[in-house]
Amino acid sequence: MSKLKGSYTVEAACVFSICFLIIGSVICLTFSIYKESINYVGDHKVKTENAVRSFRRIDAIKDLSLDELTNQ
C-alpha cells in the first residue's frame, strides 16, 4: 500500500506542474495579446474631433454666408 500512495503523489506532482505551466502560458499569452492591441490602437488612433469647436466653426460659416446673401 505504501508504494501506491507514493506513486499517486508523484503522479499528482507531475500533473499539477503541467497544469501550472499551461495556466502560466495562458496568462502570458493574454498579456502579450493585450500589449499588441494597445500598440495597434496607439498606431492607428483616429483623430478625435472637438465637437464644440466644430459646432462653432459651422455656425460661424453659416452666419458669414447669411450675411453675404443679405448684403447683396
Protein backbone atom coordinates (compact mmCIF):
# COMPACT_ATOMS: atom_id res chain seq x y z
CA MET A 1 0.00 0.00 0.00
CA SER A 2 2.80 2.48 0.68
CA LYS A 3 4.02 2.18 -2.92
CA LEU A 4 0.64 3.20 -4.29
CA LYS A 5 0.36 6.29 -2.10
CA GLY A 6 3.80 7.43 -3.15
CA SER A 7 3.10 6.84 -6.81
CA TYR A 8 -0.10 8.89 -6.60
CA THR A 9 1.85 11.72 -5.01
CA VAL A 10 4.47 11.71 -7.77
CA GLU A 11 1.81 11.49 -10.45
CA ALA A 12 -0.15 14.35 -8.90
CA ALA A 13 3.02 16.46 -8.70
CA CYS A 14 3.64 15.91 -12.42
CA VAL A 15 0.05 16.67 -13.36
CA PHE A 16 -0.10 19.82 -11.25
CA SER A 17 3.21 21.10 -12.59
CA ILE A 18 1.94 20.66 -16.17
CA CYS A 19 -1.33 22.39 -15.24
CA PHE A 20 0.58 25.32 -13.71
CA LEU A 21 2.71 25.61 -16.85
CA ILE A 22 -0.39 25.66 -19.04
CA ILE A 23 -2.11 28.26 -16.85
CA GLY A 24 1.03 30.40 -16.78
CA SER A 25 1.33 30.19 -20.56
CA VAL A 26 -2.27 31.27 -20.99
CA ILE A 27 -1.74 34.25 -18.68
CA CYS A 28 1.44 35.29 -20.55
CA LEU A 29 -0.35 34.93 -23.88
CA THR A 30 -3.21 37.07 -22.61
CA PHE A 31 -0.83 39.86 -21.57
CA SER A 32 1.02 39.74 -24.89
CA ILE A 33 -2.26 40.00 -26.82
CA TYR A 34 -3.26 42.91 -24.58
CA LYS A 35 0.04 44.69 -25.30
CA GLU A 36 -0.34 44.12 -29.04
CA SER A 37 -3.87 45.50 -29.02
CA ILE A 38 -2.77 48.60 -27.08
CA ASN A 39 0.07 49.16 -29.57
CA TYR A 40 -2.31 48.69 -32.51
CA VAL A 41 -4.75 51.23 -31.11
CA GLY A 42 -1.89 53.65 -30.47
CA ASP A 43 -0.58 53.28 -34.01
CA HIS A 44 -3.99 53.57 -35.68
CA LYS A 45 -5.50 56.19 -33.45
CA VAL A 46 -8.30 58.11 -35.07
CA LYS A 47 -8.02 61.87 -34.86
CA THR A 48 -10.55 63.00 -32.32
CA GLU A 49 -12.71 65.94 -33.23
CA ASN A 50 -13.55 68.68 -30.80
CA ALA A 51 -17.33 68.85 -31.08
CA VAL A 52 -17.69 72.35 -29.60
CA ARG A 53 -15.05 73.82 -31.89
CA SER A 54 -16.63 72.17 -34.93
CA PHE A 55 -20.07 73.45 -33.99
CA ARG A 56 -18.76 77.00 -33.61
CA ARG A 57 -16.96 76.85 -36.96
CA ILE A 58 -20.06 75.61 -38.74
CA ASP A 59 -22.17 78.25 -37.01
CA ALA A 60 -19.68 80.98 -37.98
CA ILE A 61 -19.68 79.81 -41.60
CA LYS A 62 -23.48 79.86 -41.66
CA ASP A 63 -23.50 83.37 -40.22
CA LEU A 64 -20.97 84.56 -42.80
CA SER A 65 -22.87 83.05 -45.69
CA LEU A 66 -26.16 84.55 -44.47
CA ASP A 67 -24.54 87.97 -44.07
CA GLU A 68 -23.14 87.80 -47.59
CA LEU A 69 -26.50 86.79 -49.02
CA THR A 70 -28.39 89.59 -47.23
CA ASN A 71 -25.83 92.28 -48.16
CA GLN A 72 -26.13 91.57 -51.89
